[in-house]
N, C-alpha and C. Protein backbone atom coordinates (compact mmCIF):
# COMPACT_ATOMS: atom_id res chain seq x y z
N UNK A 1 0.81 -1.20 0.00
CA UNK A 1 0.00 0.00 0.00
C UNK A 1 0.85 1.26 0.00
N UNK A 2 1.99 1.21 0.64
CA UNK A 2 2.82 2.40 0.75
C UNK A 2 3.16 2.98 -0.62
N UNK A 3 3.42 2.14 -1.58
CA UNK A 3 3.78 2.60 -2.91
C UNK A 3 2.65 3.42 -3.55
N UNK A 4 1.41 3.03 -3.31
CA UNK A 4 0.25 3.72 -3.88
C UNK A 4 0.17 5.16 -3.38
N UNK A 5 0.47 5.38 -2.14
CA UNK A 5 0.31 6.70 -1.52
C UNK A 5 1.62 7.48 -1.39
N UNK A 6 2.66 7.04 -2.04
CA UNK A 6 3.97 7.67 -1.86
C UNK A 6 4.01 9.12 -2.35
N UNK A 7 3.10 9.50 -3.26
CA UNK A 7 3.10 10.87 -3.77
C UNK A 7 2.00 11.74 -3.16
N UNK A 8 1.25 11.20 -2.22
CA UNK A 8 0.19 11.97 -1.55
C UNK A 8 0.84 12.74 -0.41
N UNK A 9 0.73 14.08 -0.42
CA UNK A 9 1.38 14.86 0.63
C UNK A 9 0.68 14.69 1.98
N UNK A 10 1.44 14.79 3.03
CA UNK A 10 0.88 14.75 4.38
C UNK A 10 0.19 16.09 4.64
N UNK A 11 -0.95 16.04 5.28
CA UNK A 11 -1.71 17.26 5.55
C UNK A 11 -2.05 17.32 7.03
N UNK A 12 -1.80 18.46 7.66
CA UNK A 12 -2.12 18.67 9.07
C UNK A 12 -3.59 19.07 9.16
N UNK A 13 -4.44 18.17 9.64
CA UNK A 13 -5.87 18.44 9.70
C UNK A 13 -6.28 19.12 11.00
N UNK A 14 -5.31 19.49 11.82
CA UNK A 14 -5.61 20.29 13.02
C UNK A 14 -5.84 21.74 12.63
N UNK A 15 -5.36 22.11 11.46
CA UNK A 15 -5.50 23.48 10.96
C UNK A 15 -6.70 23.57 10.02
N UNK A 16 -7.36 24.72 10.03
CA UNK A 16 -8.45 24.96 9.08
C UNK A 16 -7.82 25.48 7.80
N UNK A 17 -8.04 24.73 6.71
CA UNK A 17 -7.42 25.07 5.44
C UNK A 17 -8.44 25.73 4.52
N UNK A 18 -8.03 26.84 3.94
CA UNK A 18 -8.83 27.49 2.90
C UNK A 18 -8.19 27.15 1.56
N UNK A 19 -8.95 27.39 0.50
CA UNK A 19 -8.36 27.16 -0.83
C UNK A 19 -7.09 27.98 -0.98
N UNK A 20 -7.15 29.24 -0.58
CA UNK A 20 -5.99 30.14 -0.74
C UNK A 20 -4.77 29.60 0.01
N UNK A 21 -4.97 29.14 1.25
CA UNK A 21 -3.85 28.62 2.02
C UNK A 21 -3.26 27.36 1.38
N UNK A 22 -4.13 26.51 0.84
CA UNK A 22 -3.64 25.30 0.16
C UNK A 22 -2.89 25.65 -1.11
N UNK A 23 -3.42 26.61 -1.89
CA UNK A 23 -2.74 27.03 -3.12
C UNK A 23 -1.35 27.55 -2.79
N UNK A 24 -1.25 28.33 -1.72
CA UNK A 24 0.06 28.89 -1.33
C UNK A 24 0.99 27.78 -0.83
N UNK A 25 0.46 26.86 -0.01
CA UNK A 25 1.29 25.78 0.55
C UNK A 25 1.91 24.94 -0.56
N UNK A 26 1.14 24.64 -1.60
CA UNK A 26 1.62 23.77 -2.65
C UNK A 26 2.16 24.52 -3.86
N UNK A 27 2.22 25.85 -3.77
CA UNK A 27 2.87 26.65 -4.80
C UNK A 27 2.19 26.56 -6.16
N UNK A 28 0.87 26.55 -6.18
CA UNK A 28 0.15 26.47 -7.44
C UNK A 28 0.25 27.78 -8.22
N UNK A 29 0.33 27.63 -9.53
CA UNK A 29 0.37 28.81 -10.40
C UNK A 29 -1.05 29.32 -10.62
N UNK A 30 -1.18 30.53 -11.17
CA UNK A 30 -2.50 31.10 -11.47
C UNK A 30 -3.24 30.18 -12.45
N UNK A 31 -2.53 29.64 -13.41
CA UNK A 31 -3.15 28.75 -14.39
C UNK A 31 -3.68 27.48 -13.72
N UNK A 32 -2.93 26.92 -12.79
CA UNK A 32 -3.39 25.73 -12.07
C UNK A 32 -4.61 26.04 -11.21
N UNK A 33 -4.58 27.18 -10.54
CA UNK A 33 -5.72 27.60 -9.71
C UNK A 33 -6.95 27.83 -10.57
N UNK A 34 -6.79 28.49 -11.70
CA UNK A 34 -7.91 28.73 -12.61
C UNK A 34 -8.50 27.41 -13.11
N UNK A 35 -7.63 26.44 -13.40
CA UNK A 35 -8.11 25.13 -13.85
C UNK A 35 -8.92 24.45 -12.75
N UNK A 36 -8.40 24.44 -11.54
CA UNK A 36 -9.12 23.83 -10.41
C UNK A 36 -10.46 24.51 -10.22
N UNK A 37 -10.45 25.84 -10.22
CA UNK A 37 -11.69 26.60 -10.01
C UNK A 37 -12.71 26.35 -11.12
N UNK A 38 -12.24 26.04 -12.33
CA UNK A 38 -13.17 25.77 -13.43
C UNK A 38 -13.76 24.37 -13.35
N UNK A 39 -13.10 23.47 -12.62
CA UNK A 39 -13.55 22.08 -12.54
C UNK A 39 -14.35 21.75 -11.28
N UNK A 40 -14.14 22.51 -10.21
CA UNK A 40 -14.76 22.21 -8.91
C UNK A 40 -15.82 23.24 -8.58
N UNK A 41 -17.03 22.76 -8.28
CA UNK A 41 -18.09 23.67 -7.86
C UNK A 41 -17.91 24.02 -6.40
N UNK A 42 -18.13 25.28 -6.03
CA UNK A 42 -18.05 25.65 -4.60
C UNK A 42 -19.14 24.93 -3.81
N UNK A 43 -18.81 24.59 -2.57
CA UNK A 43 -19.79 23.95 -1.69
C UNK A 43 -20.63 25.01 -1.00
N UNK A 44 -21.91 24.73 -0.83
CA UNK A 44 -22.78 25.62 -0.08
C UNK A 44 -22.71 25.22 1.38
N UNK A 45 -21.92 25.95 2.15
CA UNK A 45 -21.73 25.61 3.56
C UNK A 45 -22.84 26.14 4.45
N UNK A 46 -23.79 26.87 3.89
CA UNK A 46 -24.90 27.41 4.67
C UNK A 46 -26.11 26.49 4.67
N UNK A 47 -26.08 25.45 3.86
CA UNK A 47 -27.20 24.54 3.73
C UNK A 47 -27.35 23.68 4.98
N UNK A 48 -28.57 23.54 5.48
CA UNK A 48 -28.84 22.72 6.65
C UNK A 48 -28.84 21.26 6.24
N UNK A 49 -28.08 20.43 6.96
CA UNK A 49 -28.01 19.01 6.60
C UNK A 49 -29.06 18.17 7.30
N UNK A 50 -29.95 18.80 8.09
CA UNK A 50 -31.06 18.09 8.71
C UNK A 50 -30.74 17.47 10.04
N UNK A 51 -29.52 17.58 10.54
CA UNK A 51 -29.16 16.96 11.82
C UNK A 51 -29.85 17.60 13.01
N UNK A 52 -30.18 18.87 12.92
CA UNK A 52 -30.71 19.58 14.08
C UNK A 52 -32.22 19.78 14.00
N UNK A 53 -32.88 19.01 13.20
CA UNK A 53 -34.33 19.14 13.09
C UNK A 53 -35.04 18.20 14.04
């Protein structure tokens, strides 16, 4: 299994990561960021998931 994940970077999940912080951490270019933004839809974090009803 180790070989499969050898190129996956370690991520500290104790920190709250924003897109901007991740882009800076991994040194993405404007072109790479634009590509990601064109492929990924933003999540609606205001939507109620029904847990508190």
